[in-house]
Amino acid sequence: MPDTISRCVTDDGFAVTIVHAPETCSQICQEQHQLSRAASSPLRHAILASLILGTRLKGQGLLTLTLNSPATFNYLRVDAIAMGYVRGLVLPSTNETLQSWNGVDALLDGGTLNVKRQLQQEAQPYTSTIAVEGAHFIGIANQYLRDSEQVQAAIALDDAQDAALYLERLPDAAEEHRLNAHITAYQHDMNWQLGATTEETLRQLDEQANFRILREYPAQFACPCSRERYISTLKGFDHAQIRELSNGNGVIETICDFCRNEYVIPLDEVL
């Protein structure tokens, strides 16, 4: 099954988003950052949560999720675009710590979560920061939905498949609806096994509900970095700063922290 985002609604007022992204998670966590599956769990879960939260943007834009924690995985950042594109960042110092992680110490333990939403049609982004509880990233994402978004919604995780499900009660839904019990359950037990297909997952969720699939589209890694963008950025520095960045051989060497692409730029292209 390819990496996919499915957006669905019921006739009686519930919204469902299903994200299935094992290839994208593997590309970012294992291939680009060389993290083991166990050590990368907060980043994998943040990728899934960001893809879900990106679908809640009201228009084209960018959602940036940043977590700072006093524990082993002390920093991560994920950028998600509403159409299913995502990239993730782990600082080199954090990565070095994770390479020698003993598998026992908590990867996360409290800290702060910052969520920034920048819409194309708005000059200023909307930013929300919360002090987080717990050591499970999906639990932190659910806390954000409750405390900052103030919606009746929850995210459930299928860790084995690198997949997640988002369920939201819309304003016109009945308060006593049976799907409300799922939202409450996911807020306390975030693990859930998704079906092999979107249709099977929806049947597992509620066989009686009339789900309509509004849209399905790919979930995939994307990084907008390029040689041209780095050159444009460097031209904003003064000449002394640019020369300090060179390696003594008349070139500037840089690596994108997100995708790990390397760029070699001669000084005469920026001076």
Protein backbone atom coordinates (compact mmCIF):
# COMPACT_ATOMS: atom_id res chain seq x y z
CA MET A 1 0.00 0.00 0.00
CA PRO A 2 1.54 3.38 -0.99
CA ASP A 3 1.85 6.16 1.55
CA THR A 4 -1.55 7.81 1.57
CA ILE A 5 -3.72 10.37 3.36
CA SER A 6 -7.47 9.69 3.31
CA ARG A 7 -9.95 12.35 4.43
CA CYS A 8 -13.47 11.18 5.26
CA VAL A 9 -16.69 12.37 6.89
CA THR A 10 -19.84 10.75 8.17
CA ASP A 11 -23.34 11.97 7.38
CA ASP A 12 -23.92 12.61 11.07
CA GLY A 13 -21.07 14.97 11.84
CA PHE A 14 -17.69 13.29 12.30
CA ALA A 15 -14.45 13.83 10.40
CA VAL A 16 -11.84 11.11 9.97
CA THR A 17 -8.31 11.35 8.58
CA ILE A 18 -6.19 8.24 8.03
CA VAL A 19 -2.46 8.57 7.41
CA HIS A 20 -0.41 5.59 6.25
CA ALA A 21 3.25 6.60 5.78
CA PRO A 22 5.81 3.84 6.44
CA GLU A 23 8.00 4.69 3.43
CA THR A 24 8.07 8.40 4.28
CA CYS A 25 8.89 7.70 7.93
CA SER A 26 11.66 5.32 6.93
CA GLN A 27 13.13 7.78 4.43
CA ILE A 28 13.30 10.60 6.97
CA CYS A 29 14.23 8.64 10.10
CA GLN A 30 16.40 5.79 8.86
CA GLU A 31 17.82 6.94 5.52
CA GLN A 32 18.37 10.64 6.19
CA HIS A 33 19.09 10.65 9.93
CA GLN A 34 20.40 7.07 10.38
CA LEU A 35 18.28 6.47 13.47
CA SER A 36 17.21 3.03 14.60
CA ARG A 37 13.50 2.33 14.55
CA ALA A 38 13.27 2.38 18.34
CA ALA A 39 15.28 5.59 18.76
CA SER A 40 13.33 7.35 16.01
CA SER A 41 9.86 6.73 17.47
CA PRO A 42 9.21 10.36 18.57
CA LEU A 43 10.18 11.62 15.11
CA ARG A 44 8.08 8.99 13.32
CA HIS A 45 5.08 9.81 15.47
CA ALA A 46 5.64 13.55 14.93
CA ILE A 47 5.65 12.98 11.16
CA LEU A 48 2.30 11.20 11.34
CA ALA A 49 0.80 13.82 13.66
CA SER A 50 2.06 16.67 11.48
CA LEU A 51 0.58 15.14 8.34
CA ILE A 52 -2.75 14.93 10.19
CA LEU A 53 -2.56 18.46 11.60
CA GLY A 54 -1.56 19.75 8.17
CA THR A 55 -4.92 18.63 6.81
CA ARG A 56 -6.58 21.02 9.29
CA LEU A 57 -4.98 24.08 7.69
CA LYS A 58 -7.72 26.30 6.27
CA GLY A 59 -6.14 26.74 2.86
CA GLN A 60 -2.68 26.31 1.36
CA GLY A 61 0.10 26.75 3.86
CA LEU A 62 2.77 25.28 6.08
CA LEU A 63 2.50 23.71 9.53
CA THR A 64 5.70 23.60 11.58
CA LEU A 65 5.79 21.47 14.70
CA THR A 66 8.73 21.85 17.11
CA LEU A 67 9.28 19.90 20.32
CA ASN A 68 11.88 20.70 22.98
CA SER A 69 12.29 18.13 25.74
CA PRO A 70 14.72 17.75 28.65
CA ALA A 71 14.97 14.03 27.89
CA THR A 72 17.15 12.11 25.41
CA PHE A 73 15.29 13.22 22.27
CA ASN A 74 15.67 16.86 23.23
CA TYR A 75 14.69 18.50 19.92
CA LEU A 76 12.79 17.69 16.78
CA ARG A 77 11.06 19.67 14.07
CA VAL A 78 8.64 18.59 11.36
CA ASP A 79 7.28 20.73 8.53
CA ALA A 80 4.06 19.61 6.81
CA ILE A 81 2.33 21.11 3.80
CA ALA A 82 -1.42 20.65 3.52
CA MET A 83 -1.14 18.53 0.38
CA GLY A 84 0.74 15.73 2.12
CA TYR A 85 4.37 16.82 1.83
CA VAL A 86 6.53 16.54 4.94
CA ARG A 87 10.13 16.77 6.12
CA GLY A 88 11.75 16.23 9.51
CA LEU A 89 14.79 17.60 11.34
CA VAL A 90 16.96 16.23 14.14
CA LEU A 91 19.87 18.37 15.28
CA PRO A 92 23.34 16.80 14.90
CA SER A 93 23.90 16.99 18.67
CA THR A 94 20.59 15.22 19.31
CA ASN A 95 21.39 12.62 16.67
CA GLU A 96 24.75 11.91 18.29
CA THR A 97 23.04 11.30 21.64
CA LEU A 98 20.46 9.01 20.04
CA GLN A 99 23.16 6.92 18.35
CA SER A 100 24.37 5.82 21.79
CA TRP A 101 20.91 5.60 23.40
CA ASN A 102 20.75 2.66 25.82
CA GLY A 103 17.18 1.73 24.90
CA VAL A 104 16.00 2.29 28.48
CA ASP A 105 16.14 6.01 29.29
CA ALA A 106 13.04 7.99 28.32
CA LEU A 107 13.25 9.50 24.85
CA LEU A 108 10.69 12.18 25.77
CA ASP A 109 9.67 13.52 29.15
CA GLY A 110 7.74 16.78 29.17
CA GLY A 111 9.02 20.01 27.63
CA THR A 112 7.31 22.41 25.23
CA LEU A 113 5.47 21.94 21.96
CA ASN A 114 5.27 24.79 19.47
CA VAL A 115 2.92 24.63 16.49
CA LYS A 116 3.14 27.35 13.84
CA ARG A 117 0.63 27.61 11.00
CA GLN A 118 1.48 29.89 8.09
CA LEU A 119 -1.23 30.28 5.47
CA GLN A 120 -0.37 31.66 2.04
CA GLN A 121 -3.08 34.30 2.24
CA GLU A 122 -1.99 35.61 5.66
CA ALA A 123 1.01 37.82 6.39
CA GLN A 124 1.62 36.56 9.93
CA PRO A 125 1.65 32.96 11.16
CA TYR A 126 -0.49 31.69 14.01
CA THR A 127 1.68 30.20 16.75
CA SER A 128 0.68 28.14 19.76
CA THR A 129 3.03 26.92 22.50
CA ILE A 130 2.07 24.55 25.30
CA ALA A 131 3.90 22.92 28.18
CA VAL A 132 3.57 19.20 27.48
CA GLU A 133 2.98 16.24 29.74
CA GLY A 134 4.05 12.64 29.36
CA ALA A 135 6.57 10.74 27.26
CA HIS A 136 4.47 9.66 24.25
CA PHE A 137 4.37 11.98 21.25
CA ILE A 138 0.84 11.06 20.19
CA GLY A 139 -0.28 11.80 23.74
CA ILE A 140 1.39 15.21 23.40
CA ALA A 141 -0.42 15.79 20.10
CA ASN A 142 -3.73 14.90 21.76
CA GLN A 143 -2.95 17.33 24.57
CA TYR A 144 -2.39 20.03 21.93
CA LEU A 145 -5.75 19.28 20.32
CA ARG A 146 -7.46 19.52 23.70
CA ASP A 147 -5.67 22.52 25.20
CA SER A 148 -4.83 24.67 22.19
CA GLU A 149 -7.20 23.71 19.38
CA GLN A 150 -10.02 23.04 21.86
CA VAL A 151 -11.70 20.52 19.59
CA GLN A 152 -13.32 17.22 20.48
CA ALA A 153 -10.82 15.09 18.65
CA ALA A 154 -8.07 12.55 19.16
CA ILE A 155 -5.30 10.74 17.30
CA ALA A 156 -4.78 6.99 17.50
CA LEU A 157 -1.52 5.35 16.44
CA ASP A 158 -0.73 2.11 14.63
CA ASP A 159 2.99 2.00 15.41
CA ALA A 160 3.63 -1.26 13.57
CA GLN A 161 2.36 0.19 10.27
CA ASP A 162 3.59 3.78 10.77
CA ALA A 163 -0.02 4.85 10.43
CA ALA A 164 -2.42 7.01 12.42
CA LEU A 165 -6.10 7.88 12.58
CA TYR A 166 -7.66 11.22 13.50
CA LEU A 167 -11.28 11.39 14.63
CA GLU A 168 -13.09 14.69 15.28
CA ARG A 169 -16.61 15.44 16.41
CA LEU A 170 -17.91 18.33 14.31
CA PRO A 171 -20.26 20.94 15.84
CA ASP A 172 -23.44 19.42 14.36
CA ALA A 173 -22.79 15.89 15.67
CA ALA A 174 -24.97 14.46 18.43
CA GLU A 175 -23.31 14.52 21.84
CA GLU A 176 -24.47 10.97 22.58
CA HIS A 177 -23.16 9.52 19.29
CA ARG A 178 -21.32 6.20 19.65
CA LEU A 179 -18.19 7.60 17.93
CA ASN A 180 -17.68 9.94 20.88
CA ALA A 181 -16.59 6.90 22.87
CA HIS A 182 -13.74 6.32 20.40
CA ILE A 183 -12.48 9.87 20.90
CA THR A 184 -12.48 9.42 24.67
CA ALA A 185 -10.77 6.04 24.34
CA TYR A 186 -8.01 7.38 22.05
CA GLN A 187 -7.23 10.15 24.49
CA HIS A 188 -6.33 7.52 27.09
CA ASP A 189 -5.15 4.57 24.95
CA MET A 190 -3.54 5.83 21.76
CA ASN A 191 -2.67 2.45 20.24
CA TRP A 192 -5.02 1.09 17.62
CA GLN A 193 -4.58 -1.35 14.73
CA LEU A 194 -5.72 0.08 11.41
CA GLY A 195 -7.17 -2.09 8.68
CA ALA A 196 -5.39 -3.06 5.49
CA THR A 197 -7.39 -0.49 3.49
CA THR A 198 -9.18 2.77 4.22
CA GLU A 199 -12.53 1.03 3.83
CA GLU A 200 -11.58 -1.71 6.29
CA THR A 201 -10.36 0.86 8.83
CA LEU A 202 -13.64 2.75 8.55
CA ARG A 203 -15.63 -0.45 9.07
CA GLN A 204 -13.53 -1.23 12.14
CA LEU A 205 -14.25 2.24 13.45
CA ASP A 206 -18.02 1.94 13.06
CA GLU A 207 -19.82 -0.57 10.87
CA GLN A 208 -23.07 1.38 11.13
CA ALA A 209 -21.78 4.81 10.13
CA ASN A 210 -22.07 6.07 6.56
CA PHE A 211 -18.54 7.21 5.74
CA ARG A 212 -17.78 9.22 2.60
CA ILE A 213 -14.19 9.42 1.39
CA LEU A 214 -13.73 13.05 0.37
CA ARG A 215 -10.20 12.82 -0.92
CA GLU A 216 -7.18 10.54 -1.04
CA TYR A 217 -3.70 11.74 -1.97
CA PRO A 218 -0.08 10.69 -1.44
CA ALA A 219 1.92 11.35 1.71
CA GLN A 220 5.54 11.93 0.78
CA PHE A 221 8.83 13.54 1.76
CA ALA A 222 9.68 16.89 0.21
CA CYS A 223 12.43 19.42 0.95
CA PRO A 224 12.52 22.76 -0.89
CA CYS A 225 16.26 23.25 -0.42
CA SER A 226 18.33 23.83 -3.53
CA ARG A 227 21.72 25.14 -4.57
CA GLU A 228 20.05 28.30 -5.86
CA ARG A 229 18.32 28.95 -2.53
CA TYR A 230 21.58 28.60 -0.61
CA ILE A 231 23.33 30.98 -3.01
CA SER A 232 20.50 33.49 -2.60
CA THR A 233 20.79 33.25 1.19
CA LEU A 234 24.57 33.65 1.13
CA LYS A 235 24.31 36.79 -0.98
CA GLY A 236 22.53 38.41 1.96
CA PHE A 237 25.73 38.13 4.07
CA ASP A 238 28.56 40.64 3.90
CA HIS A 239 31.75 39.58 2.11
CA ALA A 240 33.73 39.07 5.32
CA GLN A 241 31.13 36.64 6.67
CA ILE A 242 31.05 34.74 3.39
CA ARG A 243 34.82 34.31 3.37
CA GLU A 244 34.70 33.02 6.96
CA LEU A 245 32.28 30.31 5.81
CA SER A 246 34.65 29.04 3.13
CA ASN A 247 36.94 26.10 3.77
CA GLY A 248 40.11 27.84 2.60
CA ASN A 249 39.81 26.32 -0.86
CA GLY A 250 37.59 29.00 -2.31
CA VAL A 251 34.33 27.11 -1.78
CA ILE A 252 31.55 26.92 0.80
CA GLU A 253 30.37 23.43 1.71
CA THR A 254 26.98 22.99 3.37
CA ILE A 255 24.59 20.15 4.18
CA CYS A 256 20.83 20.57 4.49
CA ASP A 257 19.83 19.59 8.03
CA PHE A 258 16.54 18.13 6.74
CA CYS A 259 17.35 16.06 3.66
CA ARG A 260 21.16 15.80 4.13
CA ASN A 261 21.86 16.93 0.56
CA GLU A 262 25.34 18.41 0.20
CA TYR A 263 26.07 21.62 -1.70
CA VAL A 264 29.49 22.91 -2.79
CA ILE A 265 29.37 26.59 -3.78
CA PRO A 266 32.40 28.48 -5.18
CA LEU A 267 33.00 31.87 -3.58
CA ASP A 268 32.94 33.64 -6.93
CA GLU A 269 29.26 32.70 -7.29
CA VAL A 270 28.30 34.68 -4.19
CA LEU A 271 30.87 37.50 -3.99
